[in-house]
Every structure is written in structure tokens, then in C-alpha cells.
Amino acid sequence: MLHSNRIWVVVDSESAERLAHQLTQYTWCGCNGFRLSNYIFVNDSTSADGAQEYAVLRPDENDYAQIESLTFSWMSEDHALGITQRVLAGEFDHEVFGERIERRRLQSPAEHGRCHLCI
């Protein structure tokens, strides 16, 4: 995780197909995150005009653990779908990178409002 203090606004994604499309075909604000099943994909990019890097989080007791880091802007939609399906199948659950992510750093749209990363 590149950003130790970033707060994300997390919205539900309806399917792996939709998430793969969203993350490969659009550029998102640095504070955007997407929930699919028990996994959360949060934007870990350094800037809006850079590569769209996402940390993949899974719940871990009272917080979240980062289990993967994926650069979706370098993937085709089909490749992104395949790796998203692998995440959902639990293939990366045994990995843990860096520090834990506190639940308070993941907010609903109502909680989040607007921040300096919102465009």
C-alpha cells in the first residue's frame, strides 16, 4: 500500500465483469474503491494521470489485509476479469502485504462527502 493515510469511498460493484470493465476502461479518483463479494479494490495510484494501481483488501478480524496489488490500466478487460475471478476464488487470500488497513479508512459515499482527491 503506497498511501498510509488515504481514506476511500467504497461502492458495491455488481459483478466481476462490471468491475473489470470499470477498472480497465475508466480513470478513477484516488479515493475510489469498489466492493465485490468480501473483497475491496481501493485506488492506490499516485496521481489521476498515472497508472491505475489498486490494492486488493480482504477482511481480517477487526481490519483489512492487503492481499494483492494490481495495475488495471496495463490490463485488457479480459485479463482483468480473469484476475478478478481468481481473487474471488480466494487464490490470493494467503498473501498479506504491509500493514493492516483500518475499517475507518473505508467509507460510504454519505460518510465520505468530498475530499482533495475527488475530482
C-alpha atoms as a PDB file:
ATOM      1  CA  MET A   1       0.000   0.000   0.000  1.00  0.00           C
ATOM      2  CA  LEU A   2       1.512   3.270  -1.099  1.00  0.00           C
ATOM      3  CA  HIS A   3      -0.757   5.521   0.957  1.00  0.00           C
ATOM      4  CA  SER A   4      -0.796   5.024   4.701  1.00  0.00           C
ATOM      5  CA  ASN A   5      -3.373   7.754   5.425  1.00  0.00           C
ATOM      6  CA  ARG A   6      -5.679   7.734   2.399  1.00  0.00           C
ATOM      7  CA  ILE A   7      -9.435   7.438   3.016  1.00  0.00           C
ATOM      8  CA  TRP A   8     -11.562   5.721   0.336  1.00  0.00           C
ATOM      9  CA  VAL A   9     -15.207   5.899  -0.601  1.00  0.00           C
ATOM     10  CA  VAL A  10     -16.320   2.333  -1.328  1.00  0.00           C
ATOM     11  CA  VAL A  11     -19.268   1.382  -3.517  1.00  0.00           C
ATOM     12  CA  ASP A  12     -20.586  -2.044  -4.451  1.00  0.00           C
ATOM     13  CA  SER A  13     -19.814  -3.479  -7.866  1.00  0.00           C
ATOM     14  CA  GLU A  14     -22.480  -5.745  -9.336  1.00  0.00           C
ATOM     15  CA  SER A  15     -20.215  -8.389 -10.891  1.00  0.00           C
ATOM     16  CA  ALA A  16     -16.663  -9.358 -11.780  1.00  0.00           C
ATOM     17  CA  GLU A  17     -17.412  -8.435 -15.389  1.00  0.00           C
ATOM     18  CA  ARG A  18     -18.610  -4.967 -14.436  1.00  0.00           C
ATOM     19  CA  LEU A  19     -15.633  -4.372 -12.141  1.00  0.00           C
ATOM     20  CA  ALA A  20     -13.148  -5.478 -14.827  1.00  0.00           C
ATOM     21  CA  HIS A  21     -14.788  -3.031 -17.228  1.00  0.00           C
ATOM     22  CA  GLN A  22     -14.800  -0.180 -14.692  1.00  0.00           C
ATOM     23  CA  LEU A  23     -11.153  -0.618 -13.730  1.00  0.00           C
ATOM     24  CA  THR A  24      -9.756  -1.006 -17.247  1.00  0.00           C
ATOM     25  CA  GLN A  25     -11.899   1.447 -19.200  1.00  0.00           C
ATOM     26  CA  TYR A  26     -12.087   4.411 -16.804  1.00  0.00           C
ATOM     27  CA  THR A  27      -9.759   6.528 -14.695  1.00  0.00           C
ATOM     28  CA  TRP A  28     -10.978   6.971 -11.126  1.00  0.00           C
ATOM     29  CA  CYS A  29     -10.238   9.448  -8.364  1.00  0.00           C
ATOM     30  CA  GLY A  30      -7.574   8.419  -5.881  1.00  0.00           C
ATOM     31  CA  CYS A  31     -10.218   7.979  -3.194  1.00  0.00           C
ATOM     32  CA  ASN A  32     -12.389   5.477  -5.101  1.00  0.00           C
ATOM     33  CA  GLY A  33     -12.895   1.901  -4.001  1.00  0.00           C
ATOM     34  CA  PHE A  34     -15.115  -0.962  -5.097  1.00  0.00           C
ATOM     35  CA  ARG A  35     -16.554  -3.868  -3.090  1.00  0.00           C
ATOM     36  CA  LEU A  36     -17.166  -7.198  -4.781  1.00  0.00           C
ATOM     37  CA  SER A  37     -18.211 -10.050  -2.522  1.00  0.00           C
ATOM     38  CA  ASN A  38     -15.914  -9.857   0.552  1.00  0.00           C
ATOM     39  CA  TYR A  39     -13.105  -8.111  -1.328  1.00  0.00           C
ATOM     40  CA  ILE A  40     -12.424  -4.417  -1.685  1.00  0.00           C
ATOM     41  CA  PHE A  41     -10.390  -2.882  -4.507  1.00  0.00           C
ATOM     42  CA  VAL A  42      -9.059   0.562  -3.495  1.00  0.00           C
ATOM     43  CA  ASN A  43      -7.250   3.017  -5.720  1.00  0.00           C
ATOM     44  CA  ASP A  44      -3.615   3.129  -4.654  1.00  0.00           C
ATOM     45  CA  SER A  45      -2.450   5.270  -7.585  1.00  0.00           C
ATOM     46  CA  THR A  46      -0.052   8.138  -7.034  1.00  0.00           C
ATOM     47  CA  SER A  47      -1.993  10.506  -9.335  1.00  0.00           C
ATOM     48  CA  ALA A  48      -5.086  10.632 -11.519  1.00  0.00           C
ATOM     49  CA  ASP A  49      -2.988  10.784 -14.684  1.00  0.00           C
ATOM     50  CA  GLY A  50      -0.762   7.845 -13.714  1.00  0.00           C
ATOM     51  CA  ALA A  51      -1.238   4.100 -13.855  1.00  0.00           C
ATOM     52  CA  GLN A  52      -4.416   2.924 -12.108  1.00  0.00           C
ATOM     53  CA  GLU A  53      -2.995   0.775  -9.315  1.00  0.00           C
ATOM     54  CA  TYR A  54      -5.428  -0.974  -6.964  1.00  0.00           C
ATOM     55  CA  ALA A  55      -4.779  -2.650  -3.642  1.00  0.00           C
ATOM     56  CA  VAL A  56      -6.985  -5.692  -3.056  1.00  0.00           C
ATOM     57  CA  LEU A  57      -8.193  -5.996   0.530  1.00  0.00           C
ATOM     58  CA  ARG A  58      -9.905  -8.818   2.379  1.00  0.00           C
ATOM     59  CA  PRO A  59     -11.499  -8.617   5.830  1.00  0.00           C
ATOM     60  CA  ASP A  60      -9.191  -9.755   8.624  1.00  0.00           C
ATOM     61  CA  GLU A  61     -10.636  -9.734  12.143  1.00  0.00           C
ATOM     62  CA  ASN A  62     -11.142  -6.029  13.001  1.00  0.00           C
ATOM     63  CA  ASP A  63      -9.483  -4.542   9.926  1.00  0.00           C
ATOM     64  CA  TYR A  64      -8.417  -5.405   6.372  1.00  0.00           C
ATOM     65  CA  ALA A  65      -5.343  -7.095   4.974  1.00  0.00           C
ATOM     66  CA  GLN A  66      -3.899  -6.221   1.578  1.00  0.00           C
ATOM     67  CA  ILE A  67      -3.562  -9.439  -0.407  1.00  0.00           C
ATOM     68  CA  GLU A  68      -2.576  -8.136  -3.844  1.00  0.00           C
ATOM     69  CA  SER A  69      -1.676  -5.037  -5.836  1.00  0.00           C
ATOM     70  CA  LEU A  70      -2.935  -4.846  -9.423  1.00  0.00           C
ATOM     71  CA  THR A  71      -2.243  -2.297 -12.153  1.00  0.00           C
ATOM     72  CA  PHE A  72      -5.513  -2.435 -14.059  1.00  0.00           C
ATOM     73  CA  SER A  73      -4.587   0.268 -16.560  1.00  0.00           C
ATOM     74  CA  TRP A  74      -1.988  -2.128 -18.023  1.00  0.00           C
ATOM     75  CA  MET A  75      -4.507  -4.982 -18.416  1.00  0.00           C
ATOM     76  CA  SER A  76      -7.030  -5.841 -21.074  1.00  0.00           C
ATOM     77  CA  GLU A  77     -10.592  -6.155 -19.842  1.00  0.00           C
ATOM     78  CA  ASP A  78     -10.424  -9.949 -20.318  1.00  0.00           C
ATOM     79  CA  HIS A  79      -7.217 -10.208 -18.277  1.00  0.00           C
ATOM     80  CA  ALA A  80      -8.724  -8.030 -15.553  1.00  0.00           C
ATOM     81  CA  LEU A  81     -11.792 -10.265 -15.469  1.00  0.00           C
ATOM     82  CA  GLY A  82      -9.624 -13.371 -15.124  1.00  0.00           C
ATOM     83  CA  ILE A  83      -7.579 -11.971 -12.252  1.00  0.00           C
ATOM     84  CA  THR A  84     -10.698 -10.615 -10.528  1.00  0.00           C
ATOM     85  CA  GLN A  85     -12.236 -14.085 -10.711  1.00  0.00           C
ATOM     86  CA  ARG A  86      -9.035 -15.512  -9.197  1.00  0.00           C
ATOM     87  CA  VAL A  87      -9.329 -13.011  -6.325  1.00  0.00           C
ATOM     88  CA  LEU A  88     -12.973 -14.041  -5.763  1.00  0.00           C
ATOM     89  CA  ALA A  89     -11.934 -17.711  -5.757  1.00  0.00           C
ATOM     90  CA  GLY A  90      -9.610 -16.978  -2.822  1.00  0.00           C
ATOM     91  CA  GLU A  91      -6.392 -17.648  -4.727  1.00  0.00           C
ATOM     92  CA  PHE A  92      -4.580 -14.727  -3.062  1.00  0.00           C
ATOM     93  CA  ASP A  93      -6.078 -14.998   0.432  1.00  0.00           C
ATOM     94  CA  HIS A  94      -2.877 -16.412   1.952  1.00  0.00           C
ATOM     95  CA  GLU A  95      -0.845 -13.336   0.918  1.00  0.00           C
ATOM     96  CA  VAL A  96      -0.541 -10.311   3.181  1.00  0.00           C
ATOM     97  CA  PHE A  97       1.371  -7.181   2.205  1.00  0.00           C
ATOM     98  CA  GLY A  98       2.384  -4.474   4.653  1.00  0.00           C
ATOM     99  CA  GLU A  99       0.333  -3.035   7.439  1.00  0.00           C
ATOM    100  CA  ARG A 100      -3.347  -3.576   8.165  1.00  0.00           C
ATOM    101  CA  ILE A 101      -5.945  -1.172   6.810  1.00  0.00           C
ATOM    102  CA  GLU A 102      -8.287   0.137   9.498  1.00  0.00           C
ATOM    103  CA  ARG A 103     -12.020  -0.118   8.767  1.00  0.00           C
ATOM    104  CA  ARG A 104     -12.446   3.613   9.449  1.00  0.00           C
ATOM    105  CA  ARG A 105     -10.450   4.328   6.263  1.00  0.00           C
ATOM    106  CA  LEU A 106     -13.220   2.752   4.138  1.00  0.00           C
ATOM    107  CA  GLN A 107     -16.300   4.961   3.963  1.00  0.00           C
ATOM    108  CA  SER A 108     -19.713   5.004   2.344  1.00  0.00           C
ATOM    109  CA  PRO A 109     -20.453   7.849  -0.104  1.00  0.00           C
ATOM    110  CA  ALA A 110     -22.514   9.612   2.598  1.00  0.00           C
ATOM    111  CA  GLU A 111     -19.653   9.410   5.115  1.00  0.00           C
ATOM    112  CA  HIS A 112     -17.019  10.464   2.613  1.00  0.00           C
ATOM    113  CA  GLY A 113     -18.585  13.520   1.045  1.00  0.00           C
ATOM    114  CA  ARG A 114     -15.773  15.222  -0.919  1.00  0.00           C
ATOM    115  CA  CYS A 115     -12.041  15.254  -0.314  1.00  0.00           C
ATOM    116  CA  HIS A 116      -8.947  16.710  -2.008  1.00  0.00           C
ATOM    117  CA  LEU A 117      -8.751  13.607  -4.246  1.00  0.00           C
ATOM    118  CA  CYS A 118     -12.308  13.928  -5.549  1.00  0.00           C
ATOM    119  CA  ILE A 119     -12.330  15.494  -8.982  1.00  0.00           C
END
